[in-house]
Amino acid sequence: MELSETQSALKEIEHSSDEIYKIVGQLMLKSDKKKISSELSEKSRLLELRLRAIEKQEESMMQKLETLRDSVVDSKNN
């Protein structure tokens, strides 16, 4: 969800004027468009890396689960 929001913000920045605001806590501060775009791009890249890592972990866990399930089924059949 955070990745989707970040990518959406990047798209909005591309279509906006040079006047960009960033929310920091309870304040809205005027910011540099290039700087914010760079920060969001980096955040997006990091989130994509995390997502890929989680997907790999999930795949590994599913394989372990299937192996364990097969082992249990084999032990019941014997």
PDB file of N, CA and C in Angstrom:
ATOM      1  N   MET A   1       0.828  -1.175   0.000  1.00  0.00           N
ATOM      2  CA  MET A   1       0.000   0.000   0.000  1.00  0.00           C
ATOM      3  C   MET A   1       0.884   1.254   0.000  1.00  0.00           C
ATOM      4  N   GLU A   2       1.948   1.213   0.786  1.00  0.00           N
ATOM      5  CA  GLU A   2       2.854   2.358   0.854  1.00  0.00           C
ATOM      6  C   GLU A   2       3.543   2.583  -0.491  1.00  0.00           C
ATOM      7  N   LEU A   3       3.897   1.504  -1.167  1.00  0.00           N
ATOM      8  CA  LEU A   3       4.515   1.604  -2.494  1.00  0.00           C
ATOM      9  C   LEU A   3       3.546   2.247  -3.480  1.00  0.00           C
ATOM     10  N   SER A   4       2.316   1.831  -3.449  1.00  0.00           N
ATOM     11  CA  SER A   4       1.295   2.390  -4.328  1.00  0.00           C
ATOM     12  C   SER A   4       1.102   3.883  -4.071  1.00  0.00           C
ATOM     13  N   GLU A   5       1.065   4.287  -2.808  1.00  0.00           N
ATOM     14  CA  GLU A   5       0.910   5.691  -2.457  1.00  0.00           C
ATOM     15  C   GLU A   5       2.113   6.514  -2.922  1.00  0.00           C
ATOM     16  N   THR A   6       3.300   5.956  -2.776  1.00  0.00           N
ATOM     17  CA  THR A   6       4.518   6.647  -3.197  1.00  0.00           C
ATOM     18  C   THR A   6       4.546   6.827  -4.706  1.00  0.00           C
ATOM     19  N   GLN A   7       4.185   5.780  -5.434  1.00  0.00           N
ATOM     20  CA  GLN A   7       4.161   5.877  -6.892  1.00  0.00           C
ATOM     21  C   GLN A   7       3.093   6.868  -7.353  1.00  0.00           C
ATOM     22  N   SER A   8       1.972   6.904  -6.667  1.00  0.00           N
ATOM     23  CA  SER A   8       0.917   7.852  -6.985  1.00  0.00           C
ATOM     24  C   SER A   8       1.395   9.291  -6.742  1.00  0.00           C
ATOM     25  N   ALA A   9       2.104   9.504  -5.661  1.00  0.00           N
ATOM     26  CA  ALA A   9       2.642  10.836  -5.359  1.00  0.00           C
ATOM     27  C   ALA A   9       3.644  11.264  -6.430  1.00  0.00           C
ATOM     28  N   LEU A  10       4.469  10.336  -6.893  1.00  0.00           N
ATOM     29  CA  LEU A  10       5.435  10.644  -7.964  1.00  0.00           C
ATOM     30  C   LEU A  10       4.717  11.076  -9.235  1.00  0.00           C
ATOM     31  N   LYS A  11       3.638  10.394  -9.579  1.00  0.00           N
ATOM     32  CA  LYS A  11       2.867  10.757 -10.771  1.00  0.00           C
ATOM     33  C   LYS A  11       2.258  12.145 -10.628  1.00  0.00           C
ATOM     34  N   GLU A  12       1.758  12.451  -9.433  1.00  0.00           N
ATOM     35  CA  GLU A  12       1.158  13.757  -9.194  1.00  0.00           C
ATOM     36  C   GLU A  12       2.202  14.864  -9.313  1.00  0.00           C
ATOM     37  N   ILE A  13       3.404  14.605  -8.829  1.00  0.00           N
ATOM     38  CA  ILE A  13       4.472  15.599  -8.907  1.00  0.00           C
ATOM     39  C   ILE A  13       4.812  15.906 -10.364  1.00  0.00           C
ATOM     40  N   GLU A  14       4.836  14.873 -11.207  1.00  0.00           N
ATOM     41  CA  GLU A  14       5.151  15.063 -12.621  1.00  0.00           C
ATOM     42  C   GLU A  14       4.153  15.995 -13.297  1.00  0.00           C
ATOM     43  N   HIS A  15       2.905  15.952 -12.872  1.00  0.00           N
ATOM     44  CA  HIS A  15       1.853  16.735 -13.512  1.00  0.00           C
ATOM     45  C   HIS A  15       1.575  18.059 -12.799  1.00  0.00           C
ATOM     46  N   SER A  16       2.327  18.354 -11.747  1.00  0.00           N
ATOM     47  CA  SER A  16       2.061  19.561 -10.978  1.00  0.00           C
ATOM     48  C   SER A  16       2.983  20.704 -11.395  1.00  0.00           C
ATOM     49  N   SER A  17       2.671  21.865 -10.899  1.00  0.00           N
ATOM     50  CA  SER A  17       3.531  23.021 -11.139  1.00  0.00           C
ATOM     51  C   SER A  17       4.782  22.896 -10.278  1.00  0.00           C
ATOM     52  N   ASP A  18       5.598  23.915 -10.276  1.00  0.00           N
ATOM     53  CA  ASP A  18       6.838  23.874  -9.497  1.00  0.00           C
ATOM     54  C   ASP A  18       6.610  24.061  -8.002  1.00  0.00           C
ATOM     55  N   GLU A  19       5.404  24.423  -7.609  1.00  0.00           N
ATOM     56  CA  GLU A  19       5.103  24.651  -6.201  1.00  0.00           C
ATOM     57  C   GLU A  19       4.620  23.347  -5.560  1.00  0.00           C
ATOM     58  N   ILE A  20       5.470  22.761  -4.725  1.00  0.00           N
ATOM     59  CA  ILE A  20       5.194  21.472  -4.085  1.00  0.00           C
ATOM     60  C   ILE A  20       5.247  21.668  -2.569  1.00  0.00           C
ATOM     61  N   TYR A  21       4.347  20.986  -1.865  1.00  0.00           N
ATOM     62  CA  TYR A  21       4.328  21.039  -0.411  1.00  0.00           C
ATOM     63  C   TYR A  21       4.495  19.626   0.141  1.00  0.00           C
ATOM     64  N   LYS A  22       5.202  19.556   1.266  1.00  0.00           N
ATOM     65  CA  LYS A  22       5.446  18.272   1.920  1.00  0.00           C
ATOM     66  C   LYS A  22       4.895  18.358   3.340  1.00  0.00           C
ATOM     67  N   ILE A  23       4.186  17.308   3.746  1.00  0.00           N
ATOM     68  CA  ILE A  23       3.638  17.286   5.101  1.00  0.00           C
ATOM     69  C   ILE A  23       4.680  16.694   6.037  1.00  0.00           C
ATOM     70  N   VAL A  24       5.021  17.470   7.062  1.00  0.00           N
ATOM     71  CA  VAL A  24       5.974  17.041   8.079  1.00  0.00           C
ATOM     72  C   VAL A  24       5.280  17.187   9.423  1.00  0.00           C
ATOM     73  N   GLY A  25       4.914  16.068  10.001  1.00  0.00           N
ATOM     74  CA  GLY A  25       4.155  16.120  11.248  1.00  0.00           C
ATOM     75  C   GLY A  25       2.807  16.771  10.988  1.00  0.00           C
ATOM     76  N   GLN A  26       2.551  17.863  11.662  1.00  0.00           N
ATOM     77  CA  GLN A  26       1.295  18.580  11.479  1.00  0.00           C
ATOM     78  C   GLN A  26       1.457  19.826  10.613  1.00  0.00           C
ATOM     79  N   LEU A  27       2.637  19.975  10.011  1.00  0.00           N
ATOM     80  CA  LEU A  27       2.922  21.146   9.181  1.00  0.00           C
ATOM     81  C   LEU A  27       2.999  20.775   7.711  1.00  0.00           C
ATOM     82  N   MET A  28       2.645  21.736   6.872  1.00  0.00           N
ATOM     83  CA  MET A  28       2.793  21.567   5.434  1.00  0.00           C
ATOM     84  C   MET A  28       3.837  22.599   4.996  1.00  0.00           C
ATOM     85  N   LEU A  29       4.983  22.106   4.516  1.00  0.00           N
ATOM     86  CA  LEU A  29       6.084  22.984   4.159  1.00  0.00           C
ATOM     87  C   LEU A  29       6.316  22.992   2.656  1.00  0.00           C
ATOM     88  N   LYS A  30       6.601  24.167   2.123  1.00  0.00           N
ATOM     89  CA  LYS A  30       6.921  24.282   0.704  1.00  0.00           C
ATOM     90  C   LYS A  30       8.278  23.626   0.484  1.00  0.00           C
ATOM     91  N   SER A  31       8.385  22.798  -0.551  1.00  0.00           N
ATOM     92  CA  SER A  31       9.607  22.046  -0.805  1.00  0.00           C
ATOM     93  C   SER A  31      10.012  22.152  -2.265  1.00  0.00           C
ATOM     94  N   ASP A  32      11.259  21.786  -2.512  1.00  0.00           N
ATOM     95  CA  ASP A  32      11.789  21.772  -3.868  1.00  0.00           C
ATOM     96  C   ASP A  32      11.250  20.549  -4.615  1.00  0.00           C
ATOM     97  N   LYS A  33      10.701  20.759  -5.794  1.00  0.00           N
ATOM     98  CA  LYS A  33      10.088  19.685  -6.576  1.00  0.00           C
ATOM     99  C   LYS A  33      11.099  18.588  -6.905  1.00  0.00           C
ATOM    100  N   LYS A  34      12.310  18.967  -7.306  1.00  0.00           N
ATOM    101  CA  LYS A  34      13.336  17.972  -7.658  1.00  0.00           C
ATOM    102  C   LYS A  34      13.743  17.145  -6.451  1.00  0.00           C
ATOM    103  N   LYS A  35      13.877  17.807  -5.311  1.00  0.00           N
ATOM    104  CA  LYS A  35      14.274  17.113  -4.081  1.00  0.00           C
ATOM    105  C   LYS A  35      13.204  16.111  -3.653  1.00  0.00           C
ATOM    106  N   ILE A  36      11.960  16.533  -3.656  1.00  0.00           N
ATOM    107  CA  ILE A  36      10.859  15.646  -3.260  1.00  0.00           C
ATOM    108  C   ILE A  36      10.747  14.486  -4.237  1.00  0.00           C
ATOM    109  N   SER A  37      10.872  14.771  -5.518  1.00  0.00           N
ATOM    110  CA  SER A  37      10.805  13.718  -6.535  1.00  0.00           C
ATOM    111  C   SER A  37      11.915  12.703  -6.318  1.00  0.00           C
ATOM    112  N   SER A  38      13.115  13.189  -6.019  1.00  0.00           N
ATOM    113  CA  SER A  38      14.250  12.301  -5.751  1.00  0.00           C
ATOM    114  C   SER A  38      14.004  11.448  -4.505  1.00  0.00           C
ATOM    115  N   GLU A  39      13.499  12.075  -3.434  1.00  0.00           N
ATOM    116  CA  GLU A  39      13.201  11.337  -2.199  1.00  0.00           C
ATOM    117  C   GLU A  39      12.152  10.254  -2.436  1.00  0.00           C
ATOM    118  N   LEU A  40      11.106  10.601  -3.176  1.00  0.00           N
ATOM    119  CA  LEU A  40      10.040   9.627  -3.442  1.00  0.00           C
ATOM    120  C   LEU A  40      10.529   8.493  -4.340  1.00  0.00           C
ATOM    121  N   SER A  41      11.381   8.810  -5.293  1.00  0.00           N
ATOM    122  CA  SER A  41      11.938   7.776  -6.174  1.00  0.00           C
ATOM    123  C   SER A  41      12.784   6.789  -5.375  1.00  0.00           C
ATOM    124  N   GLU A  42      13.600   7.320  -4.473  1.00  0.00           N
ATOM    125  CA  GLU A  42      14.439   6.467  -3.623  1.00  0.00           C
ATOM    126  C   GLU A  42      13.569   5.617  -2.695  1.00  0.00           C
ATOM    127  N   LYS A  43      12.541   6.231  -2.129  1.00  0.00           N
ATOM    128  CA  LYS A  43      11.628   5.498  -1.248  1.00  0.00           C
ATOM    129  C   LYS A  43      10.927   4.381  -2.029  1.00  0.00           C
ATOM    130  N   SER A  44      10.507   4.683  -3.233  1.00  0.00           N
ATOM    131  CA  SER A  44       9.850   3.691  -4.081  1.00  0.00           C
ATOM    132  C   SER A  44      10.788   2.528  -4.383  1.00  0.00           C
ATOM    133  N   ARG A  45      12.042   2.849  -4.702  1.00  0.00           N
ATOM    134  CA  ARG A  45      13.033   1.809  -5.002  1.00  0.00           C
ATOM    135  C   ARG A  45      13.247   0.899  -3.787  1.00  0.00           C
ATOM    136  N   LEU A  46      13.373   1.504  -2.610  1.00  0.00           N
ATOM    137  CA  LEU A  46      13.567   0.713  -1.390  1.00  0.00           C
ATOM    138  C   LEU A  46      12.348  -0.152  -1.068  1.00  0.00           C
ATOM    139  N   LEU A  47      11.164   0.395  -1.261  1.00  0.00           N
ATOM    140  CA  LEU A  47       9.943  -0.376  -1.006  1.00  0.00           C
ATOM    141  C   LEU A  47       9.831  -1.555  -1.974  1.00  0.00           C
ATOM    142  N   GLU A  48      10.220  -1.345  -3.234  1.00  0.00           N
ATOM    143  CA  GLU A  48      10.197  -2.440  -4.208  1.00  0.00           C
ATOM    144  C   GLU A  48      11.176  -3.542  -3.810  1.00  0.00           C
ATOM    145  N   LEU A  49      12.361  -3.156  -3.315  1.00  0.00           N
ATOM    146  CA  LEU A  49      13.334  -4.142  -2.853  1.00  0.00           C
ATOM    147  C   LEU A  49      12.785  -4.937  -1.671  1.00  0.00           C
ATOM    148  N   ARG A  50      12.171  -4.236  -0.727  1.00  0.00           N
ATOM    149  CA  ARG A  50      11.574  -4.919   0.427  1.00  0.00           C
ATOM    150  C   ARG A  50      10.469  -5.870   0.000  1.00  0.00           C
ATOM    151  N   LEU A  51       9.652  -5.417  -0.931  1.00  0.00           N
ATOM    152  CA  LEU A  51       8.549  -6.247  -1.416  1.00  0.00           C
ATOM    153  C   LEU A  51       9.078  -7.518  -2.067  1.00  0.00           C
ATOM    154  N   ARG A  52      10.122  -7.387  -2.893  1.00  0.00           N
ATOM    155  CA  ARG A  52      10.717  -8.577  -3.525  1.00  0.00           C
ATOM    156  C   ARG A  52      11.289  -9.528  -2.479  1.00  0.00           C
ATOM    157  N   ALA A  53      11.928  -8.978  -1.454  1.00  0.00           N
ATOM    158  CA  ALA A  53      12.485  -9.816  -0.382  1.00  0.00           C
ATOM    159  C   ALA A  53      11.376 -10.560   0.351  1.00  0.00           C
ATOM    160  N   ILE A  54      10.287  -9.882   0.626  1.00  0.00           N
ATOM    161  CA  ILE A  54       9.158 -10.522   1.314  1.00  0.00           C
ATOM    162  C   ILE A  54       8.546 -11.599   0.433  1.00  0.00           C
ATOM    163  N   GLU A  55       8.430 -11.333  -0.861  1.00  0.00           N
ATOM    164  CA  GLU A  55       7.884 -12.330  -1.778  1.00  0.00           C
ATOM    165  C   GLU A  55       8.774 -13.571  -1.832  1.00  0.00           C
ATOM    166  N   LYS A  56      10.096 -13.379  -1.815  1.00  0.00           N
ATOM    167  CA  LYS A  56      11.016 -14.519  -1.804  1.00  0.00           C
ATOM    168  C   LYS A  56      10.875 -15.316  -0.513  1.00  0.00           C
ATOM    169  N   GLN A  57      10.745 -14.606   0.611  1.00  0.00           N
ATOM    170  CA  GLN A  57      10.553 -15.284   1.894  1.00  0.00           C
ATOM    171  C   GLN A  57       9.254 -16.072   1.895  1.00  0.00           C
ATOM    172  N   GLU A  58       8.212 -15.480   1.349  1.00  0.00           N
ATOM    173  CA  GLU A  58       6.917 -16.153   1.281  1.00  0.00           C
ATOM    174  C   GLU A  58       7.021 -17.421   0.432  1.00  0.00           C
ATOM    175  N   GLU A  59       7.696 -17.319  -0.701  1.00  0.00           N
ATOM    176  CA  GLU A  59       7.867 -18.475  -1.578  1.00  0.00           C
ATOM    177  C   GLU A  59       8.644 -19.578  -0.870  1.00  0.00           C
ATOM    178  N   SER A  60       9.701 -19.196  -0.170  1.00  0.00           N
ATOM    179  CA  SER A  60      10.502 -20.163   0.571  1.00  0.00           C
ATOM    180  C   SER A  60       9.669 -20.843   1.660  1.00  0.00           C
ATOM    181  N   MET A  61       8.875 -20.070   2.369  1.00  0.00           N
ATOM    182  CA  MET A  61       8.030 -20.641   3.428  1.00  0.00           C
ATOM    183  C   MET A  61       6.974 -21.586   2.850  1.00  0.00           C
ATOM    184  N   MET A  62       6.428 -21.229   1.692  1.00  0.00           N
ATOM    185  CA  MET A  62       5.440 -22.097   1.054  1.00  0.00           C
ATOM    186  C   MET A  62       6.074 -23.428   0.635  1.00  0.00           C
ATOM    187  N   GLN A  63       7.299 -23.362   0.129  1.00  0.00           N
ATOM    188  CA  GLN A  63       7.990 -24.597  -0.249  1.00  0.00           C
ATOM    189  C   GLN A  63       8.252 -25.463   0.978  1.00  0.00           C
ATOM    190  N   LYS A  64       8.678 -24.841   2.078  1.00  0.00           N
ATOM    191  CA  LYS A  64       8.914 -25.585   3.315  1.00  0.00           C
ATOM    192  C   LYS A  64       7.612 -26.191   3.828  1.00  0.00           C
ATOM    193  N   LEU A  65       6.532 -25.438   3.726  1.00  0.00           N
ATOM    194  CA  LEU A  65       5.225 -25.922   4.161  1.00  0.00           C
ATOM    195  C   LEU A  65       4.796 -27.135   3.347  1.00  0.00           C
ATOM    196  N   GLU A  66       4.980 -27.076   2.035  1.00  0.00           N
ATOM    197  CA  GLU A  66       4.618 -28.209   1.186  1.00  0.00           C
ATOM    198  C   GLU A  66       5.465 -29.427   1.498  1.00  0.00           C
ATOM    199  N   THR A  67       6.751 -29.219   1.734  1.00  0.00           N
ATOM    200  CA  THR A  67       7.636 -30.330   2.100  1.00  0.00           C
ATOM    201  C   THR A  67       7.195 -30.954   3.413  1.00  0.00           C
ATOM    202  N   LEU A  68       6.883 -30.129   4.378  1.00  0.00           N
ATOM    203  CA  LEU A  68       6.425 -30.617   5.677  1.00  0.00           C
ATOM    204  C   LEU A  68       5.094 -31.344   5.543  1.00  0.00           C
ATOM    205  N   ARG A  69       4.180 -30.791   4.736  1.00  0.00           N
ATOM    206  CA  ARG A  69       2.883 -31.429   4.529  1.00  0.00           C
ATOM    207  C   ARG A  69       3.063 -32.795   3.860  1.00  0.00           C
ATOM    208  N   ASP A  70       3.916 -32.856   2.858  1.00  0.00           N
ATOM    209  CA  ASP A  70       4.176 -34.129   2.194  1.00  0.00           C
ATOM    210  C   ASP A  70       4.765 -35.141   3.163  1.00  0.00           C
ATOM    211  N   SER A  71       5.646 -34.669   4.041  1.00  0.00           N
ATOM    212  CA  SER A  71       6.258 -35.547   5.038  1.00  0.00           C
ATOM    213  C   SER A  71       5.200 -36.094   5.992  1.00  0.00           C
ATOM    214  N   VAL A  72       4.290 -35.255   6.417  1.00  0.00           N
ATOM    215  CA  VAL A  72       3.211 -35.692   7.339  1.00  0.00           C
ATOM    216  C   VAL A  72       2.301 -36.684   6.637  1.00  0.00           C
ATOM    217  N   VAL A  73       1.946 -36.421   5.396  1.00  0.00           N
ATOM    218  CA  VAL A  73       1.061 -37.314   4.635  1.00  0.00           C
ATOM    219  C   VAL A  73       1.757 -38.666   4.437  1.00  0.00           C
ATOM    220  N   ASP A  74       3.053 -38.655   4.119  1.00  0.00           N
ATOM    221  CA  ASP A  74       3.789 -39.898   3.929  1.00  0.00           C
ATOM    222  C   ASP A  74       3.860 -40.707   5.219  1.00  0.00           C
ATOM    223  N   SER A  75       4.054 -40.028   6.342  1.00  0.00           N
ATOM    224  CA  SER A  75       4.141 -40.742   7.612  1.00  0.00           C
ATOM    225  C   SER A  75       2.795 -41.339   8.015  1.00  0.00           C
ATOM    226  N   LYS A  76       1.691 -40.703   7.632  1.00  0.00           N
ATOM    227  CA  LYS A  76       0.354 -41.245   7.912  1.00  0.00           C
ATOM    228  C   LYS A  76       0.078 -42.458   7.054  1.00  0.00           C
ATOM    229  N   ASN A  77       0.571 -42.439   5.817  1.00  0.00           N
ATOM    230  CA  ASN A  77       0.333 -43.557   4.907  1.00  0.00           C
ATOM    231  C   ASN A  77       1.174 -44.774   5.239  1.00  0.00           C
ATOM    232  N   ASN A  78       2.220 -44.609   5.977  1.00  0.00           N
ATOM    233  CA  ASN A  78       3.098 -45.751   6.327  1.00  0.00           C
ATOM    234  C   ASN A  78       2.767 -46.297   7.646  1.00  0.00           C
TER     235      ASN A  78
END
